[in-house]
Amino acid sequence: MFARHVLDPTVEFLAKLAGTGSALEFAIGTGRVAIPLSAKGISVSGIELSQPMIDQLRRKVPLADDLPVVVGDMATATVPKRFSPGVRRLQQHRQPAYAGRAGGVLP
């Protein structure tokens, strides 16, 4: 999801979903989606379990007020803000290109 041809349409789609509201990104990581979404004027907050990932995000967006992140598990962390319904990062899943047997490659 680092490729521009994938990231740009994703950000456009999420910006339309958010409208004039706010977005919450689970597992915000280094801000790959949140930073361009924020640049479109969407107020974005995040939840992230990994402090090293947040440290990388802070190198890109130093001010916590510009992109607030709660450190914690997304199943239990709380963010003191209301968000637009249905706005969260889209995950893309790919099926592995191999079969579950030794030397078995799917055609």
N, C-alpha and C. Protein backbone atom coordinates (compact mmCIF):
# COMPACT_ATOMS: atom_id res chain seq x y z
N MET A 1 0.82 -1.19 0.00
CA MET A 1 0.00 0.00 0.00
C MET A 1 0.86 1.26 0.00
N PHE A 2 2.14 1.11 -0.25
CA PHE A 2 3.01 2.28 -0.32
C PHE A 2 2.96 2.94 -1.70
N ALA A 3 2.56 2.19 -2.71
CA ALA A 3 2.53 2.72 -4.07
C ALA A 3 1.50 3.84 -4.18
N ARG A 4 1.89 4.91 -4.86
CA ARG A 4 1.01 6.08 -5.02
C ARG A 4 -0.30 5.69 -5.70
N HIS A 5 -0.25 4.77 -6.67
CA HIS A 5 -1.47 4.40 -7.39
C HIS A 5 -2.46 3.66 -6.50
N VAL A 6 -1.99 3.19 -5.34
CA VAL A 6 -2.88 2.54 -4.37
C VAL A 6 -3.22 3.53 -3.25
N LEU A 7 -2.22 4.23 -2.75
CA LEU A 7 -2.42 5.13 -1.62
C LEU A 7 -3.31 6.32 -1.97
N ASP A 8 -3.07 6.96 -3.11
CA ASP A 8 -3.85 8.16 -3.47
C ASP A 8 -5.36 7.88 -3.55
N PRO A 9 -5.80 6.83 -4.26
CA PRO A 9 -7.24 6.57 -4.29
C PRO A 9 -7.80 6.20 -2.92
N THR A 10 -6.99 5.54 -2.10
CA THR A 10 -7.44 5.18 -0.75
C THR A 10 -7.68 6.44 0.07
N VAL A 11 -6.75 7.37 0.01
CA VAL A 11 -6.88 8.63 0.75
C VAL A 11 -8.08 9.42 0.23
N GLU A 12 -8.27 9.46 -1.08
CA GLU A 12 -9.43 10.16 -1.65
C GLU A 12 -10.74 9.56 -1.14
N PHE A 13 -10.81 8.23 -1.15
CA PHE A 13 -12.01 7.54 -0.69
C PHE A 13 -12.29 7.84 0.78
N LEU A 14 -11.25 7.76 1.62
CA LEU A 14 -11.44 8.02 3.04
C LEU A 14 -11.80 9.47 3.31
N ALA A 15 -11.24 10.39 2.55
CA ALA A 15 -11.57 11.81 2.71
C ALA A 15 -13.05 12.04 2.40
N LYS A 16 -13.56 11.37 1.36
CA LYS A 16 -14.98 11.50 1.03
C LYS A 16 -15.86 10.92 2.13
N LEU A 17 -15.43 9.78 2.70
CA LEU A 17 -16.20 9.20 3.80
C LEU A 17 -16.24 10.12 5.01
N ALA A 18 -15.11 10.73 5.31
CA ALA A 18 -15.03 11.60 6.49
C ALA A 18 -15.83 12.89 6.30
N GLY A 19 -15.89 13.37 5.07
CA GLY A 19 -16.60 14.63 4.82
C GLY A 19 -16.02 15.75 5.65
N THR A 20 -16.85 16.36 6.49
CA THR A 20 -16.36 17.43 7.36
C THR A 20 -16.05 16.92 8.76
N GLY A 21 -16.14 15.61 8.94
CA GLY A 21 -15.90 15.01 10.26
C GLY A 21 -14.44 14.65 10.48
N SER A 22 -14.22 13.83 11.47
CA SER A 22 -12.89 13.40 11.87
C SER A 22 -12.71 11.91 11.60
N ALA A 23 -11.46 11.49 11.47
CA ALA A 23 -11.15 10.08 11.21
C ALA A 23 -10.26 9.53 12.31
N LEU A 24 -10.47 8.26 12.63
CA LEU A 24 -9.63 7.54 13.58
C LEU A 24 -8.97 6.40 12.83
N GLU A 25 -7.64 6.37 12.87
CA GLU A 25 -6.93 5.28 12.20
C GLU A 25 -6.37 4.32 13.25
N PHE A 26 -6.82 3.07 13.15
CA PHE A 26 -6.29 2.02 14.01
C PHE A 26 -4.94 1.59 13.45
N ALA A 27 -3.96 1.35 14.34
CA ALA A 27 -2.61 0.97 13.91
C ALA A 27 -2.07 2.02 12.95
N ILE A 28 -2.02 3.25 13.41
CA ILE A 28 -1.64 4.39 12.58
C ILE A 28 -0.20 4.29 12.08
N GLY A 29 0.63 3.56 12.80
CA GLY A 29 2.01 3.34 12.36
C GLY A 29 2.78 4.62 12.16
N THR A 30 3.42 4.74 11.00
CA THR A 30 4.26 5.90 10.70
C THR A 30 3.48 7.02 10.02
N GLY A 31 2.16 6.83 9.85
CA GLY A 31 1.33 7.88 9.28
C GLY A 31 1.17 7.81 7.77
N ARG A 32 1.48 6.68 7.19
CA ARG A 32 1.41 6.51 5.73
C ARG A 32 0.06 6.95 5.15
N VAL A 33 -1.03 6.67 5.84
CA VAL A 33 -2.37 7.07 5.38
C VAL A 33 -2.80 8.35 6.08
N ALA A 34 -2.52 8.47 7.35
CA ALA A 34 -3.00 9.60 8.15
C ALA A 34 -2.43 10.94 7.70
N ILE A 35 -1.17 10.98 7.33
CA ILE A 35 -0.55 12.26 6.95
C ILE A 35 -1.16 12.82 5.68
N PRO A 36 -1.29 12.03 4.59
CA PRO A 36 -1.94 12.61 3.42
C PRO A 36 -3.42 12.91 3.64
N LEU A 37 -4.08 12.14 4.49
CA LEU A 37 -5.49 12.41 4.80
C LEU A 37 -5.60 13.73 5.56
N SER A 38 -4.71 13.95 6.50
CA SER A 38 -4.67 15.20 7.25
C SER A 38 -4.37 16.39 6.33
N ALA A 39 -3.50 16.17 5.34
CA ALA A 39 -3.17 17.23 4.38
C ALA A 39 -4.38 17.65 3.56
N LYS A 40 -5.39 16.79 3.48
CA LYS A 40 -6.63 17.12 2.77
C LYS A 40 -7.62 17.86 3.67
N GLY A 41 -7.19 18.17 4.90
CA GLY A 41 -8.04 18.93 5.80
C GLY A 41 -8.88 18.09 6.75
N ILE A 42 -8.68 16.77 6.74
CA ILE A 42 -9.41 15.89 7.64
C ILE A 42 -8.68 15.85 8.97
N SER A 43 -9.41 16.01 10.05
CA SER A 43 -8.83 15.88 11.39
C SER A 43 -8.65 14.39 11.67
N VAL A 44 -7.40 13.95 11.83
CA VAL A 44 -7.10 12.53 12.01
C VAL A 44 -6.47 12.32 13.38
N SER A 45 -6.91 11.28 14.06
CA SER A 45 -6.30 10.81 15.30
C SER A 45 -5.96 9.35 15.08
N GLY A 46 -5.09 8.82 15.92
CA GLY A 46 -4.71 7.43 15.73
C GLY A 46 -4.50 6.68 17.03
N ILE A 47 -4.48 5.36 16.90
CA ILE A 47 -4.13 4.46 18.00
C ILE A 47 -2.99 3.60 17.48
N GLU A 48 -1.95 3.46 18.28
CA GLU A 48 -0.79 2.66 17.88
C GLU A 48 -0.18 2.00 19.10
N LEU A 49 0.11 0.73 18.98
CA LEU A 49 0.70 -0.05 20.07
C LEU A 49 2.21 0.15 20.16
N SER A 50 2.86 0.39 19.04
CA SER A 50 4.32 0.44 18.97
C SER A 50 4.87 1.85 19.14
N GLN A 51 5.59 2.08 20.22
CA GLN A 51 6.20 3.39 20.43
C GLN A 51 7.23 3.72 19.34
N PRO A 52 8.04 2.76 18.87
CA PRO A 52 8.97 3.08 17.78
C PRO A 52 8.25 3.56 16.51
N MET A 53 7.08 3.03 16.21
CA MET A 53 6.32 3.51 15.05
C MET A 53 5.85 4.95 15.28
N ILE A 54 5.40 5.23 16.49
CA ILE A 54 4.97 6.60 16.81
C ILE A 54 6.16 7.55 16.73
N ASP A 55 7.32 7.09 17.17
CA ASP A 55 8.52 7.93 17.08
C ASP A 55 8.81 8.30 15.63
N GLN A 56 8.65 7.34 14.71
CA GLN A 56 8.85 7.64 13.29
C GLN A 56 7.80 8.63 12.79
N LEU A 57 6.56 8.46 13.23
CA LEU A 57 5.50 9.40 12.86
C LEU A 57 5.84 10.80 13.35
N ARG A 58 6.34 10.90 14.57
CA ARG A 58 6.67 12.21 15.15
C ARG A 58 7.82 12.89 14.43
N ARG A 59 8.68 12.13 13.77
CA ARG A 59 9.73 12.76 12.96
C ARG A 59 9.12 13.45 11.74
N LYS A 60 7.97 12.95 11.29
CA LYS A 60 7.28 13.54 10.14
C LYS A 60 6.32 14.64 10.56
N VAL A 61 5.63 14.42 11.68
CA VAL A 61 4.64 15.37 12.22
C VAL A 61 4.98 15.58 13.69
N PRO A 62 5.84 16.56 13.99
CA PRO A 62 6.33 16.72 15.36
C PRO A 62 5.28 17.10 16.40
N LEU A 63 4.28 17.87 16.01
CA LEU A 63 3.31 18.37 16.99
C LEU A 63 2.17 17.39 17.20
N ALA A 64 2.02 16.94 18.42
CA ALA A 64 0.95 15.99 18.74
C ALA A 64 -0.43 16.60 18.51
N ASP A 65 -0.54 17.92 18.60
CA ASP A 65 -1.83 18.57 18.34
C ASP A 65 -2.24 18.44 16.88
N ASP A 66 -1.26 18.34 15.98
CA ASP A 66 -1.56 18.23 14.55
C ASP A 66 -2.04 16.84 14.16
N LEU A 67 -1.56 15.82 14.89
CA LEU A 67 -1.97 14.44 14.61
C LEU A 67 -1.84 13.65 15.91
N PRO A 68 -2.87 13.72 16.76
CA PRO A 68 -2.79 13.05 18.06
C PRO A 68 -2.83 11.53 17.94
N VAL A 69 -2.01 10.88 18.76
CA VAL A 69 -1.96 9.41 18.76
C VAL A 69 -2.03 8.92 20.20
N VAL A 70 -2.90 7.96 20.43
CA VAL A 70 -3.01 7.30 21.73
C VAL A 70 -2.17 6.03 21.64
N VAL A 71 -1.27 5.85 22.61
CA VAL A 71 -0.45 4.65 22.66
C VAL A 71 -1.26 3.57 23.37
N GLY A 72 -1.47 2.46 22.67
CA GLY A 72 -2.21 1.38 23.29
C GLY A 72 -2.74 0.37 22.29
N ASP A 73 -3.38 -0.63 22.82
CA ASP A 73 -3.99 -1.69 22.02
C ASP A 73 -5.31 -1.18 21.47
N MET A 74 -5.54 -1.35 20.19
CA MET A 74 -6.76 -0.81 19.58
C MET A 74 -8.04 -1.45 20.13
N ALA A 75 -7.91 -2.59 20.78
CA ALA A 75 -9.09 -3.25 21.35
C ALA A 75 -9.52 -2.61 22.66
N THR A 76 -8.60 -1.93 23.34
CA THR A 76 -8.92 -1.38 24.66
C THR A 76 -8.65 0.11 24.80
N ALA A 77 -7.87 0.70 23.91
CA ALA A 77 -7.54 2.13 24.02
C ALA A 77 -8.77 2.98 23.72
N THR A 78 -8.83 4.13 24.34
CA THR A 78 -9.92 5.07 24.07
C THR A 78 -9.34 6.40 23.61
N VAL A 79 -10.07 7.06 22.74
CA VAL A 79 -9.67 8.35 22.22
C VAL A 79 -10.79 9.32 22.55
N PRO A 80 -10.48 10.40 23.27
CA PRO A 80 -11.52 11.32 23.72
C PRO A 80 -12.01 12.26 22.62
N LYS A 81 -12.66 11.69 21.61
CA LYS A 81 -13.13 12.49 20.49
C LYS A 81 -14.19 11.68 19.75
N ARG A 82 -15.04 12.36 19.00
CA ARG A 82 -16.04 11.67 18.17
C ARG A 82 -15.54 11.65 16.73
N PHE A 83 -15.88 10.57 16.01
CA PHE A 83 -15.39 10.40 14.65
C PHE A 83 -16.54 10.11 13.69
N SER A 84 -16.31 10.41 12.43
CA SER A 84 -17.29 10.10 11.39
C SER A 84 -17.49 8.59 11.33
N PRO A 85 -18.72 8.13 11.22
CA PRO A 85 -18.97 6.69 11.18
C PRO A 85 -18.33 6.05 9.95
N GLY A 86 -17.76 4.89 10.16
CA GLY A 86 -17.24 4.11 9.05
C GLY A 86 -15.90 4.53 8.50
N VAL A 87 -15.25 5.50 9.11
CA VAL A 87 -13.97 5.94 8.58
C VAL A 87 -12.84 5.26 9.32
N ARG A 88 -12.18 4.37 8.65
CA ARG A 88 -10.98 3.73 9.18
C ARG A 88 -10.17 3.24 7.99
N ARG A 89 -8.96 2.94 8.25
CA ARG A 89 -8.07 2.55 7.17
C ARG A 89 -8.51 1.23 6.53
N LEU A 90 -8.43 1.18 5.23
CA LEU A 90 -8.75 -0.03 4.50
C LEU A 90 -7.51 -0.92 4.45
N GLN A 91 -7.70 -2.17 4.71
CA GLN A 91 -6.60 -3.13 4.64
C GLN A 91 -6.73 -3.91 3.34
N GLN A 92 -5.62 -4.11 2.68
CA GLN A 92 -5.62 -4.96 1.50
C GLN A 92 -4.94 -6.26 1.87
N HIS A 93 -5.58 -7.36 1.54
CA HIS A 93 -5.02 -8.67 1.85
C HIS A 93 -4.76 -9.40 0.54
N ARG A 94 -3.59 -9.98 0.44
CA ARG A 94 -3.25 -10.77 -0.73
C ARG A 94 -3.11 -12.22 -0.33
N GLN A 95 -3.54 -13.10 -1.19
CA GLN A 95 -3.38 -14.52 -0.96
C GLN A 95 -1.95 -14.90 -1.33
N PRO A 96 -1.33 -15.79 -0.56
CA PRO A 96 0.02 -16.22 -0.90
C PRO A 96 0.03 -16.96 -2.24
N ALA A 97 1.12 -16.84 -2.95
CA ALA A 97 1.23 -17.45 -4.27
C ALA A 97 1.83 -18.85 -4.20
N TYR A 98 1.62 -19.54 -3.13
CA TYR A 98 2.16 -20.90 -3.01
C TYR A 98 1.14 -21.79 -2.32
N ALA A 99 1.25 -23.06 -2.60
CA ALA A 99 0.36 -24.04 -1.96
C ALA A 99 0.99 -24.48 -0.66
N GLY A 100 0.19 -25.11 0.19
CA GLY A 100 0.68 -25.52 1.49
C GLY A 100 1.45 -26.84 1.49
N ARG A 101 1.96 -27.25 0.37
CA ARG A 101 2.75 -28.48 0.32
C ARG A 101 4.15 -28.15 -0.17
N ALA A 102 5.10 -28.97 0.18
CA ALA A 102 6.51 -28.73 -0.18
C ALA A 102 6.65 -28.61 -1.69
N GLY A 103 7.27 -27.53 -2.11
CA GLY A 103 7.53 -27.33 -3.54
C GLY A 103 6.28 -27.03 -4.35
N GLY A 104 5.15 -26.86 -3.71
CA GLY A 104 3.90 -26.66 -4.43
C GLY A 104 3.64 -25.21 -4.76
N VAL A 105 3.79 -24.84 -6.01
CA VAL A 105 3.50 -23.48 -6.43
C VAL A 105 2.20 -23.50 -7.22
N LEU A 106 1.31 -22.59 -6.89
CA LEU A 106 0.05 -22.53 -7.60
C LEU A 106 0.27 -21.96 -9.00
N PRO A 107 -0.43 -22.49 -9.98
CA PRO A 107 -0.28 -21.97 -11.35
C PRO A 107 -0.83 -20.56 -11.46
